[in-house]
Protein backbone atom coordinates (compact mmCIF):
# COMPACT_ATOMS: atom_id res chain seq x y z
CA MET A 1 -81.46 -76.42 -17.92
CA LYS A 2 -80.83 -73.34 -20.07
CA HIS A 3 -78.50 -73.62 -23.02
CA LYS A 4 -76.49 -70.91 -24.70
CA CYS A 5 -76.90 -70.65 -28.46
CA TYR A 6 -73.89 -70.09 -30.72
CA ASN A 7 -73.51 -69.50 -34.43
CA ILE A 8 -70.53 -71.44 -35.74
CA LEU A 9 -68.95 -71.84 -39.15
CA VAL A 10 -68.41 -75.48 -40.14
CA LYS A 11 -66.00 -76.24 -43.00
CA ASN A 12 -64.84 -79.40 -44.68
CA LEU A 13 -61.13 -80.17 -44.48
CA ARG A 14 -60.51 -79.00 -48.06
CA GLU A 15 -62.21 -75.71 -47.17
CA ASN A 16 -64.26 -75.73 -50.38
CA TYR A 17 -67.56 -76.03 -48.49
CA SER A 18 -68.74 -74.18 -45.42
CA CYS A 19 -72.00 -73.34 -43.71
CA ASN A 20 -73.16 -71.50 -40.63
CA ILE A 21 -75.20 -73.40 -38.08
CA GLU A 22 -76.73 -72.60 -34.72
CA VAL A 23 -75.63 -74.91 -31.94
CA LEU A 24 -76.53 -75.25 -28.28
CA ASP A 25 -73.96 -75.79 -25.55
CA GLN A 26 -73.97 -79.03 -23.58
CA PRO A 27 -71.21 -80.07 -21.13
CA VAL A 28 -71.35 -83.72 -22.24
CA ILE A 29 -73.18 -84.71 -25.41
CA CYS A 30 -73.28 -88.48 -24.99
CA GLY A 31 -69.81 -89.71 -24.17
CA ASN A 32 -67.17 -91.09 -26.49
CA ILE A 33 -67.39 -92.23 -30.08
CA ILE A 34 -65.83 -95.48 -31.17
CA ARG A 35 -63.62 -95.05 -34.23
CA ILE A 36 -62.77 -97.55 -36.90
CA ILE A 37 -59.21 -98.74 -36.30
CA THR A 38 -56.52 -98.17 -38.95
CA SER A 39 -55.66 -101.88 -39.23
CA SER A 40 -59.27 -102.81 -39.95
CA PRO A 41 -60.07 -104.69 -43.15
CA HIS A 42 -62.79 -102.07 -43.63
CA VAL A 43 -60.14 -99.35 -43.96
CA ARG A 44 -58.48 -101.34 -46.75
CA GLU A 45 -61.87 -101.75 -48.47
CA LEU A 46 -62.48 -98.00 -48.22
CA LYS A 47 -59.08 -97.22 -49.74
CA MET A 48 -59.80 -99.59 -52.65
CA LYS A 49 -62.99 -97.62 -53.33
CA ASN A 50 -61.12 -94.29 -53.02
CA ILE A 51 -63.00 -93.30 -49.85
CA ARG A 52 -60.96 -91.37 -47.32
CA LEU A 53 -62.09 -91.23 -43.71
CA THR A 54 -60.38 -88.62 -41.59
CA ASP A 55 -61.43 -89.85 -38.18
CA VAL A 56 -59.80 -93.26 -37.68
CA GLY A 57 -57.70 -94.47 -34.78
CA GLU A 58 -57.42 -96.55 -31.65
CA ASP A 59 -58.67 -93.98 -29.14
CA GLU A 60 -62.25 -93.01 -28.30
CA PRO A 61 -62.47 -89.20 -28.24
CA LEU A 62 -65.33 -87.24 -26.76
CA ILE A 63 -67.99 -86.05 -29.16
CA GLU A 64 -67.53 -82.30 -29.56
CA LEU A 65 -70.23 -81.56 -32.12
CA LEU A 66 -73.33 -83.65 -32.75
CA LEU A 67 -75.46 -82.82 -35.77
CA GLY A 68 -79.09 -83.79 -35.58
CA ALA A 69 -81.18 -85.14 -38.43
CA ASN A 70 -82.78 -81.71 -38.77
CA PHE A 71 -79.44 -80.39 -40.05
CA ALA A 72 -77.44 -83.41 -41.18
CA GLY A 73 -79.86 -84.14 -44.02
CA VAL A 74 -78.88 -81.00 -45.91
CA LEU A 75 -75.24 -82.16 -45.89
CA TYR A 76 -75.82 -85.38 -47.85
CA SER A 77 -74.62 -85.17 -51.45
CA GLY A 78 -76.63 -88.20 -52.55
CA ASN A 79 -73.60 -90.40 -53.24
CA THR A 80 -73.62 -93.69 -51.32
CA ILE A 81 -71.52 -96.83 -51.67
CA ASN A 82 -72.48 -100.22 -50.24
CA LEU A 83 -69.50 -101.87 -48.60
CA SER A 84 -69.19 -105.13 -46.68
CA PRO A 85 -72.52 -106.55 -45.54
CA GLY A 86 -74.10 -104.08 -43.18
CA LEU A 87 -71.85 -101.10 -43.98
CA LEU A 88 -72.71 -98.05 -46.02
CA ALA A 89 -70.45 -95.14 -46.96
CA VAL A 90 -72.41 -91.90 -47.39
CA HIS A 91 -70.81 -88.85 -48.96
CA THR A 92 -71.58 -85.49 -47.40
CA TYR A 93 -70.36 -82.01 -48.24
CA LEU A 94 -68.12 -82.28 -45.16
CA GLY A 95 -66.62 -85.68 -46.01
CA TRP A 96 -67.55 -89.36 -45.90
CA VAL A 97 -69.68 -90.96 -43.20
CA LEU A 98 -69.43 -94.67 -42.47
CA MET A 99 -72.63 -96.14 -41.08
CA GLY A 100 -73.55 -99.62 -40.05
CA ARG A 101 -72.70 -102.61 -37.95
CA ILE A 102 -69.10 -103.69 -37.44
CA ASP A 103 -68.67 -107.09 -35.82
CA GLY A 104 -65.82 -108.17 -33.61
CA GLU A 105 -63.20 -105.51 -34.19
CA LEU A 106 -64.04 -102.61 -31.93
CA ASN A 107 -62.37 -102.37 -28.54
CA ASP A 108 -64.78 -103.56 -25.85
CA SER A 109 -67.94 -103.94 -27.91
CA SER A 110 -69.03 -106.94 -29.93
CA TRP A 111 -70.57 -104.48 -32.35
CA SER A 112 -71.19 -100.81 -32.66
CA MET A 113 -72.97 -98.29 -34.77
CA LEU A 114 -70.13 -96.31 -36.24
CA SER A 115 -70.51 -92.87 -37.66
CA THR A 116 -67.49 -90.80 -38.44
CA LEU A 117 -68.01 -87.39 -39.88
CA LEU A 118 -66.46 -84.27 -38.48
CA THR A 119 -62.93 -84.08 -37.19
CA HIS A 120 -60.72 -81.40 -35.75
CA MET A 121 -63.73 -79.38 -34.63
CA LEU A 122 -63.45 -76.51 -32.22
CA SER A 123 -64.88 -77.57 -28.90
CA ILE A 124 -67.87 -75.67 -27.57
CA ALA A 125 -65.78 -74.73 -24.52
CA ASP A 126 -63.33 -72.92 -26.83
CA LEU A 127 -65.98 -70.69 -28.42
């Protein structure tokens, strides 16, 4: 399968950081991403530590942009905060990423790897 290559500008929501990246088109990346729900005790813990996630909610949207380790590594600022057992908040130049295992609170999974990073991205189909 041949992929088209696009150069896109990625910005954080405050628009004080941006970078150009090359991306390949793909009709479906890997399905939906499970979000942390707003009523979660983890959301309260994040607020107490002054960490704001922008991608929380009950729905499971399609992944529109997936950054690989070859690019994502340059986004990490070096600031990490250990949360509840098994959860880590990692600061990037685009916002906070929550990584780790969440037991018993996500829709139809007993646990999930949760990573929330980019929101409100332009879909590849719109380019």
